[in-house]
Amino acid sequence: MLVSGVLLLMTGPLKYYHSPSLRLKMLLFLLAVTFYFTLHRSIVRSNADDAASAWSKVAAVISLGLGLGVGLAGRAIGFLGMLLV
């Protein structure tokens, strides 16, 4: 995934650099990675005994929302790129 993303960006770096969708995707991706390595892991580890606790559910919903946002922003790069060309 990392290799394909770099290859995709190499095809038109200035077009993608000015794309608001790419900036949104990178922001959401950074938030998702930061959330996973900080709060998500600590919540899941602390609630290992009680798998259905409220904090675990909240962490799962936030993780899913960030992942979905990254995917949708990625799709928007292609759609908005076609419109702006």
PDB file of N, CA and C in Angstrom:
ATOM      1  N   MET A   1       0.825  -1.181   0.000  1.00  0.00           N
ATOM      2  CA  MET A   1       0.000   0.000   0.000  1.00  0.00           C
ATOM      3  C   MET A   1       0.875   1.252   0.000  1.00  0.00           C
ATOM      4  N   LEU A   2       1.943   1.215   0.751  1.00  0.00           N
ATOM      5  CA  LEU A   2       2.831   2.372   0.791  1.00  0.00           C
ATOM      6  C   LEU A   2       3.500   2.579  -0.561  1.00  0.00           C
ATOM      7  N   VAL A   3       3.933   1.491  -1.194  1.00  0.00           N
ATOM      8  CA  VAL A   3       4.594   1.588  -2.492  1.00  0.00           C
ATOM      9  C   VAL A   3       3.614   2.116  -3.541  1.00  0.00           C
ATOM     10  N   SER A   4       2.397   1.587  -3.560  1.00  0.00           N
ATOM     11  CA  SER A   4       1.430   2.043  -4.560  1.00  0.00           C
ATOM     12  C   SER A   4       1.054   3.505  -4.336  1.00  0.00           C
ATOM     13  N   GLY A   5       0.984   3.946  -3.092  1.00  0.00           N
ATOM     14  CA  GLY A   5       0.684   5.353  -2.819  1.00  0.00           C
ATOM     15  C   GLY A   5       1.783   6.279  -3.299  1.00  0.00           C
ATOM     16  N   VAL A   6       3.030   5.882  -3.087  1.00  0.00           N
ATOM     17  CA  VAL A   6       4.156   6.692  -3.549  1.00  0.00           C
ATOM     18  C   VAL A   6       4.174   6.746  -5.076  1.00  0.00           C
ATOM     19  N   LEU A   7       3.939   5.588  -5.711  1.00  0.00           N
ATOM     20  CA  LEU A   7       3.917   5.570  -7.178  1.00  0.00           C
ATOM     21  C   LEU A   7       2.780   6.427  -7.733  1.00  0.00           C
ATOM     22  N   LEU A   8       1.639   6.405  -7.075  1.00  0.00           N
ATOM     23  CA  LEU A   8       0.520   7.231  -7.521  1.00  0.00           C
ATOM     24  C   LEU A   8       0.846   8.715  -7.400  1.00  0.00           C
ATOM     25  N   LEU A   9       1.446   9.104  -6.296  1.00  0.00           N
ATOM     26  CA  LEU A   9       1.784  10.514  -6.102  1.00  0.00           C
ATOM     27  C   LEU A   9       2.864  10.984  -7.062  1.00  0.00           C
ATOM     28  N   MET A  10       3.717  10.070  -7.520  1.00  0.00           N
ATOM     29  CA  MET A  10       4.773  10.448  -8.452  1.00  0.00           C
ATOM     30  C   MET A  10       4.232  10.795  -9.839  1.00  0.00           C
ATOM     31  N   THR A  11       3.009  10.372 -10.158  1.00  0.00           N
ATOM     32  CA  THR A  11       2.464  10.653 -11.483  1.00  0.00           C
ATOM     33  C   THR A  11       2.084  12.114 -11.661  1.00  0.00           C
ATOM     34  N   GLY A  12       1.722  12.782 -10.599  1.00  0.00           N
ATOM     35  CA  GLY A  12       1.343  14.197 -10.695  1.00  0.00           C
ATOM     36  C   GLY A  12       1.474  14.868  -9.351  1.00  0.00           C
ATOM     37  N   PRO A  13       2.702  15.073  -8.876  1.00  0.00           N
ATOM     38  CA  PRO A  13       2.880  15.559  -7.504  1.00  0.00           C
ATOM     39  C   PRO A  13       2.258  16.933  -7.238  1.00  0.00           C
ATOM     40  N   LEU A  14       2.333  17.838  -8.197  1.00  0.00           N
ATOM     41  CA  LEU A  14       1.768  19.173  -7.958  1.00  0.00           C
ATOM     42  C   LEU A  14       0.247  19.139  -7.923  1.00  0.00           C
ATOM     43  N   LYS A  15      -0.349  18.289  -8.756  1.00  0.00           N
ATOM     44  CA  LYS A  15      -1.811  18.160  -8.754  1.00  0.00           C
ATOM     45  C   LYS A  15      -2.283  17.608  -7.405  1.00  0.00           C
ATOM     46  N   TYR A  16      -1.587  16.592  -6.921  1.00  0.00           N
ATOM     47  CA  TYR A  16      -1.985  16.001  -5.648  1.00  0.00           C
ATOM     48  C   TYR A  16      -1.632  16.884  -4.466  1.00  0.00           C
ATOM     49  N   TYR A  17      -0.556  17.645  -4.579  1.00  0.00           N
ATOM     50  CA  TYR A  17      -0.152  18.519  -3.489  1.00  0.00           C
ATOM     51  C   TYR A  17      -1.217  19.564  -3.195  1.00  0.00           C
ATOM     52  N   HIS A  18      -1.869  20.064  -4.218  1.00  0.00           N
ATOM     53  CA  HIS A  18      -2.884  21.097  -4.038  1.00  0.00           C
ATOM     54  C   HIS A  18      -4.292  20.521  -3.846  1.00  0.00           C
ATOM     55  N   SER A  19      -4.407  19.215  -3.781  1.00  0.00           N
ATOM     56  CA  SER A  19      -5.709  18.579  -3.625  1.00  0.00           C
ATOM     57  C   SER A  19      -6.174  18.637  -2.164  1.00  0.00           C
ATOM     58  N   PRO A  20      -7.326  19.249  -1.908  1.00  0.00           N
ATOM     59  CA  PRO A  20      -7.823  19.270  -0.528  1.00  0.00           C
ATOM     60  C   PRO A  20      -8.199  17.870  -0.035  1.00  0.00           C
ATOM     61  N   SER A  21      -8.568  16.986  -0.945  1.00  0.00           N
ATOM     62  CA  SER A  21      -8.914  15.626  -0.545  1.00  0.00           C
ATOM     63  C   SER A  21      -7.699  14.867  -0.037  1.00  0.00           C
ATOM     64  N   LEU A  22      -6.552  15.064  -0.679  1.00  0.00           N
ATOM     65  CA  LEU A  22      -5.332  14.402  -0.226  1.00  0.00           C
ATOM     66  C   LEU A  22      -4.921  14.931   1.138  1.00  0.00           C
ATOM     67  N   ARG A  23      -5.043  16.217   1.316  1.00  0.00           N
ATOM     68  CA  ARG A  23      -4.697  16.797   2.622  1.00  0.00           C
ATOM     69  C   ARG A  23      -5.624  16.268   3.725  1.00  0.00           C
ATOM     70  N   LEU A  24      -6.914  16.147   3.407  1.00  0.00           N
ATOM     71  CA  LEU A  24      -7.860  15.592   4.373  1.00  0.00           C
ATOM     72  C   LEU A  24      -7.525  14.136   4.662  1.00  0.00           C
ATOM     73  N   LYS A  25      -7.200  13.373   3.627  1.00  0.00           N
ATOM     74  CA  LYS A  25      -6.858  11.965   3.815  1.00  0.00           C
ATOM     75  C   LYS A  25      -5.627  11.828   4.704  1.00  0.00           C
ATOM     76  N   MET A  26      -4.598  12.611   4.446  1.00  0.00           N
ATOM     77  CA  MET A  26      -3.377  12.528   5.240  1.00  0.00           C
ATOM     78  C   MET A  26      -3.631  12.942   6.694  1.00  0.00           C
ATOM     79  N   LEU A  27      -4.477  13.945   6.886  1.00  0.00           N
ATOM     80  CA  LEU A  27      -4.823  14.359   8.246  1.00  0.00           C
ATOM     81  C   LEU A  27      -5.571  13.255   8.976  1.00  0.00           C
ATOM     82  N   LEU A  28      -6.575  12.673   8.324  1.00  0.00           N
ATOM     83  CA  LEU A  28      -7.328  11.584   8.953  1.00  0.00           C
ATOM     84  C   LEU A  28      -6.448  10.369   9.205  1.00  0.00           C
ATOM     85  N   PHE A  29      -5.534  10.072   8.266  1.00  0.00           N
ATOM     86  CA  PHE A  29      -4.618   8.951   8.453  1.00  0.00           C
ATOM     87  C   PHE A  29      -3.706   9.187   9.649  1.00  0.00           C
ATOM     88  N   LEU A  30      -3.181  10.405   9.774  1.00  0.00           N
ATOM     89  CA  LEU A  30      -2.330  10.739  10.917  1.00  0.00           C
ATOM     90  C   LEU A  30      -3.114  10.626  12.226  1.00  0.00           C
ATOM     91  N   LEU A  31      -4.351  11.102  12.231  1.00  0.00           N
ATOM     92  CA  LEU A  31      -5.193  10.972  13.427  1.00  0.00           C
ATOM     93  C   LEU A  31      -5.475   9.518  13.754  1.00  0.00           C
ATOM     94  N   ALA A  32      -5.730   8.688  12.733  1.00  0.00           N
ATOM     95  CA  ALA A  32      -6.022   7.278  12.951  1.00  0.00           C
ATOM     96  C   ALA A  32      -4.820   6.550  13.536  1.00  0.00           C
ATOM     97  N   VAL A  33      -3.644   6.808  12.996  1.00  0.00           N
ATOM     98  CA  VAL A  33      -2.428   6.152  13.494  1.00  0.00           C
ATOM     99  C   VAL A  33      -2.126   6.614  14.910  1.00  0.00           C
ATOM    100  N   THR A  34      -2.256   7.917  15.150  1.00  0.00           N
ATOM    101  CA  THR A  34      -2.019   8.455  16.491  1.00  0.00           C
ATOM    102  C   THR A  34      -3.019   7.883  17.490  1.00  0.00           C
ATOM    103  N   PHE A  35      -4.286   7.821  17.113  1.00  0.00           N
ATOM    104  CA  PHE A  35      -5.307   7.263  17.994  1.00  0.00           C
ATOM    105  C   PHE A  35      -5.027   5.808  18.310  1.00  0.00           C
ATOM    106  N   TYR A  36      -4.615   5.049  17.286  1.00  0.00           N
ATOM    107  CA  TYR A  36      -4.366   3.628  17.510  1.00  0.00           C
ATOM    108  C   TYR A  36      -3.204   3.411  18.471  1.00  0.00           C
ATOM    109  N   PHE A  37      -2.097   4.127  18.269  1.00  0.00           N
ATOM    110  CA  PHE A  37      -0.920   3.886  19.087  1.00  0.00           C
ATOM    111  C   PHE A  37      -0.981   4.558  20.457  1.00  0.00           C
ATOM    112  N   THR A  38      -1.997   5.357  20.733  1.00  0.00           N
ATOM    113  CA  THR A  38      -2.112   5.970  22.050  1.00  0.00           C
ATOM    114  C   THR A  38      -3.335   5.429  22.797  1.00  0.00           C
ATOM    115  N   LEU A  39      -4.482   5.959  22.495  1.00  0.00           N
ATOM    116  CA  LEU A  39      -5.674   5.636  23.271  1.00  0.00           C
ATOM    117  C   LEU A  39      -6.244   4.244  22.994  1.00  0.00           C
ATOM    118  N   HIS A  40      -6.362   3.884  21.737  1.00  0.00           N
ATOM    119  CA  HIS A  40      -7.013   2.624  21.371  1.00  0.00           C
ATOM    120  C   HIS A  40      -6.322   1.428  22.028  1.00  0.00           C
ATOM    121  N   ARG A  41      -5.006   1.363  21.915  1.00  0.00           N
ATOM    122  CA  ARG A  41      -4.277   0.227  22.484  1.00  0.00           C
ATOM    123  C   ARG A  41      -4.387   0.184  24.000  1.00  0.00           C
ATOM    124  N   SER A  42      -4.323   1.350  24.641  1.00  0.00           N
ATOM    125  CA  SER A  42      -4.407   1.350  26.100  1.00  0.00           C
ATOM    126  C   SER A  42      -5.808   0.980  26.582  1.00  0.00           C
ATOM    127  N   ILE A  43      -6.836   1.406  25.861  1.00  0.00           N
ATOM    128  CA  ILE A  43      -8.208   1.059  26.244  1.00  0.00           C
ATOM    129  C   ILE A  43      -8.446  -0.430  26.078  1.00  0.00           C
ATOM    130  N   VAL A  44      -7.999  -0.980  24.968  1.00  0.00           N
ATOM    131  CA  VAL A  44      -8.212  -2.404  24.720  1.00  0.00           C
ATOM    132  C   VAL A  44      -7.433  -3.245  25.720  1.00  0.00           C
ATOM    133  N   ARG A  45      -6.205  -2.856  26.039  1.00  0.00           N
ATOM    134  CA  ARG A  45      -5.412  -3.613  27.020  1.00  0.00           C
ATOM    135  C   ARG A  45      -6.011  -3.535  28.417  1.00  0.00           C
ATOM    136  N   SER A  46      -6.504  -2.369  28.805  1.00  0.00           N
ATOM    137  CA  SER A  46      -7.056  -2.222  30.155  1.00  0.00           C
ATOM    138  C   SER A  46      -8.392  -2.940  30.301  1.00  0.00           C
ATOM    139  N   ASN A  47      -9.107  -3.129  29.195  1.00  0.00           N
ATOM    140  CA  ASN A  47     -10.405  -3.797  29.238  1.00  0.00           C
ATOM    141  C   ASN A  47     -10.335  -5.215  28.679  1.00  0.00           C
ATOM    142  N   ALA A  48      -9.189  -5.862  28.832  1.00  0.00           N
ATOM    143  CA  ALA A  48      -9.029  -7.213  28.280  1.00  0.00           C
ATOM    144  C   ALA A  48      -9.983  -8.201  28.946  1.00  0.00           C
ATOM    145  N   ASP A  49     -10.282  -7.998  30.221  1.00  0.00           N
ATOM    146  CA  ASP A  49     -11.182  -8.912  30.926  1.00  0.00           C
ATOM    147  C   ASP A  49     -12.632  -8.677  30.532  1.00  0.00           C
ATOM    148  N   ASP A  50     -13.016  -7.435  30.428  1.00  0.00           N
ATOM    149  CA  ASP A  50     -14.396  -7.084  30.079  1.00  0.00           C
ATOM    150  C   ASP A  50     -14.414  -6.557  28.649  1.00  0.00           C
ATOM    151  N   ALA A  51     -14.567  -7.451  27.677  1.00  0.00           N
ATOM    152  CA  ALA A  51     -14.444  -7.095  26.263  1.00  0.00           C
ATOM    153  C   ALA A  51     -15.564  -6.180  25.782  1.00  0.00           C
ATOM    154  N   ALA A  52     -16.690  -6.142  26.482  1.00  0.00           N
ATOM    155  CA  ALA A  52     -17.837  -5.370  26.007  1.00  0.00           C
ATOM    156  C   ALA A  52     -18.042  -4.077  26.807  1.00  0.00           C
ATOM    157  N   SER A  53     -16.955  -3.500  27.334  1.00  0.00           N
ATOM    158  CA  SER A  53     -17.112  -2.286  28.121  1.00  0.00           C
ATOM    159  C   SER A  53     -17.431  -1.097  27.207  1.00  0.00           C
ATOM    160  N   ALA A  54     -17.914  -0.047  27.796  1.00  0.00           N
ATOM    161  CA  ALA A  54     -18.317   1.134  27.033  1.00  0.00           C
ATOM    162  C   ALA A  54     -17.124   1.800  26.355  1.00  0.00           C
ATOM    163  N   TRP A  55     -15.979   1.880  27.031  1.00  0.00           N
ATOM    164  CA  TRP A  55     -14.809   2.520  26.438  1.00  0.00           C
ATOM    165  C   TRP A  55     -14.285   1.735  25.244  1.00  0.00           C
ATOM    166  N   SER A  56     -14.380   0.414  25.312  1.00  0.00           N
ATOM    167  CA  SER A  56     -13.964  -0.398  24.163  1.00  0.00           C
ATOM    168  C   SER A  56     -14.851  -0.126  22.960  1.00  0.00           C
ATOM    169  N   LYS A  57     -16.144   0.023  23.200  1.00  0.00           N
ATOM    170  CA  LYS A  57     -17.071   0.312  22.107  1.00  0.00           C
ATOM    171  C   LYS A  57     -16.817   1.692  21.518  1.00  0.00           C
ATOM    172  N   VAL A  58     -16.541   2.658  22.357  1.00  0.00           N
ATOM    173  CA  VAL A  58     -16.250   4.011  21.880  1.00  0.00           C
ATOM    174  C   VAL A  58     -14.965   4.003  21.047  1.00  0.00           C
ATOM    175  N   ALA A  59     -13.945   3.297  21.526  1.00  0.00           N
ATOM    176  CA  ALA A  59     -12.686   3.209  20.779  1.00  0.00           C
ATOM    177  C   ALA A  59     -12.907   2.531  19.430  1.00  0.00           C
ATOM    178  N   ALA A  60     -13.746   1.512  19.399  1.00  0.00           N
ATOM    179  CA  ALA A  60     -14.032   0.817  18.142  1.00  0.00           C
ATOM    180  C   ALA A  60     -14.760   1.731  17.161  1.00  0.00           C
ATOM    181  N   VAL A  61     -15.731   2.498  17.640  1.00  0.00           N
ATOM    182  CA  VAL A  61     -16.482   3.410  16.770  1.00  0.00           C
ATOM    183  C   VAL A  61     -15.567   4.507  16.219  1.00  0.00           C
ATOM    184  N   ILE A  62     -14.692   5.044  17.058  1.00  0.00           N
ATOM    185  CA  ILE A  62     -13.772   6.082  16.596  1.00  0.00           C
ATOM    186  C   ILE A  62     -12.813   5.504  15.559  1.00  0.00           C
ATOM    187  N   SER A  63     -12.286   4.304  15.813  1.00  0.00           N
ATOM    188  CA  SER A  63     -11.377   3.667  14.861  1.00  0.00           C
ATOM    189  C   SER A  63     -12.057   3.413  13.522  1.00  0.00           C
ATOM    190  N   LEU A  64     -13.276   2.915  13.569  1.00  0.00           N
ATOM    191  CA  LEU A  64     -14.016   2.675  12.332  1.00  0.00           C
ATOM    192  C   LEU A  64     -14.313   3.974  11.595  1.00  0.00           C
ATOM    193  N   GLY A  65     -14.673   4.996  12.330  1.00  0.00           N
ATOM    194  CA  GLY A  65     -14.958   6.290  11.710  1.00  0.00           C
ATOM    195  C   GLY A  65     -13.730   6.893  11.035  1.00  0.00           C
ATOM    196  N   LEU A  66     -12.578   6.813  11.710  1.00  0.00           N
ATOM    197  CA  LEU A  66     -11.354   7.338  11.108  1.00  0.00           C
ATOM    198  C   LEU A  66     -10.952   6.520   9.882  1.00  0.00           C
ATOM    199  N   GLY A  67     -11.077   5.207   9.968  1.00  0.00           N
ATOM    200  CA  GLY A  67     -10.752   4.362   8.818  1.00  0.00           C
ATOM    201  C   GLY A  67     -11.663   4.620   7.634  1.00  0.00           C
ATOM    202  N   LEU A  68     -12.940   4.772   7.904  1.00  0.00           N
ATOM    203  CA  LEU A  68     -13.890   5.081   6.845  1.00  0.00           C
ATOM    204  C   LEU A  68     -13.603   6.458   6.242  1.00  0.00           C
ATOM    205  N   GLY A  69     -13.258   7.401   7.084  1.00  0.00           N
ATOM    206  CA  GLY A  69     -12.924   8.737   6.592  1.00  0.00           C
ATOM    207  C   GLY A  69     -11.699   8.729   5.694  1.00  0.00           C
ATOM    208  N   VAL A  70     -10.682   7.938   6.041  1.00  0.00           N
ATOM    209  CA  VAL A  70      -9.490   7.824   5.201  1.00  0.00           C
ATOM    210  C   VAL A  70      -9.870   7.233   3.848  1.00  0.00           C
ATOM    211  N   GLY A  71     -10.687   6.197   3.854  1.00  0.00           N
ATOM    212  CA  GLY A  71     -11.106   5.568   2.602  1.00  0.00           C
ATOM    213  C   GLY A  71     -11.933   6.487   1.727  1.00  0.00           C
ATOM    214  N   LEU A  72     -12.866   7.191   2.329  1.00  0.00           N
ATOM    215  CA  LEU A  72     -13.710   8.113   1.551  1.00  0.00           C
ATOM    216  C   LEU A  72     -12.912   9.292   1.009  1.00  0.00           C
ATOM    217  N   ALA A  73     -11.979   9.795   1.795  1.00  0.00           N
ATOM    218  CA  ALA A  73     -11.142  10.894   1.311  1.00  0.00           C
ATOM    219  C   ALA A  73     -10.251  10.411   0.168  1.00  0.00           C
ATOM    220  N   GLY A  74      -9.802   9.162   0.253  1.00  0.00           N
ATOM    221  CA  GLY A  74      -9.013   8.595  -0.838  1.00  0.00           C
ATOM    222  C   GLY A  74      -9.811   8.488  -2.120  1.00  0.00           C
ATOM    223  N   ARG A  75     -11.054   8.081  -2.016  1.00  0.00           N
ATOM    224  CA  ARG A  75     -11.915   8.016  -3.202  1.00  0.00           C
ATOM    225  C   ARG A  75     -12.187   9.420  -3.746  1.00  0.00           C
ATOM    226  N   ALA A  76     -12.295  10.398  -2.868  1.00  0.00           N
ATOM    227  CA  ALA A  76     -12.554  11.770  -3.302  1.00  0.00           C
ATOM    228  C   ALA A  76     -11.381  12.343  -4.086  1.00  0.00           C
ATOM    229  N   ILE A  77     -10.170  11.852  -3.839  1.00  0.00           N
ATOM    230  CA  ILE A  77      -9.015  12.326  -4.594  1.00  0.00           C
ATOM    231  C   ILE A  77      -9.229  12.051  -6.074  1.00  0.00           C
ATOM    232  N   GLY A  78      -9.664  10.851  -6.405  1.00  0.00           N
ATOM    233  CA  GLY A  78      -9.892  10.491  -7.801  1.00  0.00           C
ATOM    234  C   GLY A  78     -11.050  11.235  -8.419  1.00  0.00           C
ATOM    235  N   PHE A  79     -12.133  11.351  -7.688  1.00  0.00           N
ATOM    236  CA  PHE A  79     -13.306  12.034  -8.235  1.00  0.00           C
ATOM    237  C   PHE A  79     -13.069  13.525  -8.418  1.00  0.00           C
ATOM    238  N   LEU A  80     -12.514  14.164  -7.430  1.00  0.00           N
ATOM    239  CA  LEU A  80     -12.256  15.604  -7.540  1.00  0.00           C
ATOM    240  C   LEU A  80     -11.128  15.885  -8.510  1.00  0.00           C
ATOM    241  N   GLY A  81     -10.165  14.963  -8.616  1.00  0.00           N
ATOM    242  CA  GLY A  81      -9.094  15.128  -9.587  1.00  0.00           C
ATOM    243  C   GLY A  81      -9.606  15.130 -11.004  1.00  0.00           C
ATOM    244  N   MET A  82     -10.626  14.297 -11.272  1.00  0.00           N
ATOM    245  CA  MET A  82     -11.215  14.252 -12.606  1.00  0.00           C
ATOM    246  C   MET A  82     -11.975  15.549 -12.900  1.00  0.00           C
ATOM    247  N   LEU A  83     -12.582  16.118 -11.880  1.00  0.00           N
ATOM    248  CA  LEU A  83     -13.354  17.345 -12.084  1.00  0.00           C
ATOM    249  C   LEU A  83     -12.479  18.569 -12.267  1.00  0.00           C
ATOM    250  N   LEU A  84     -11.314  18.567 -11.627  1.00  0.00           N
ATOM    251  CA  LEU A  84     -10.453  19.741 -11.651  1.00  0.00           C
ATOM    252  C   LEU A  84      -9.509  19.769 -12.843  1.00  0.00           C
ATOM    253  N   VAL A  85      -9.422  18.664 -13.578  1.00  0.00           N
ATOM    254  CA  VAL A  85      -8.477  18.619 -14.708  1.00  0.00           C
ATOM    255  C   VAL A  85      -9.024  19.332 -15.909  1.00  0.00           C
TER     256      VAL A  85
END
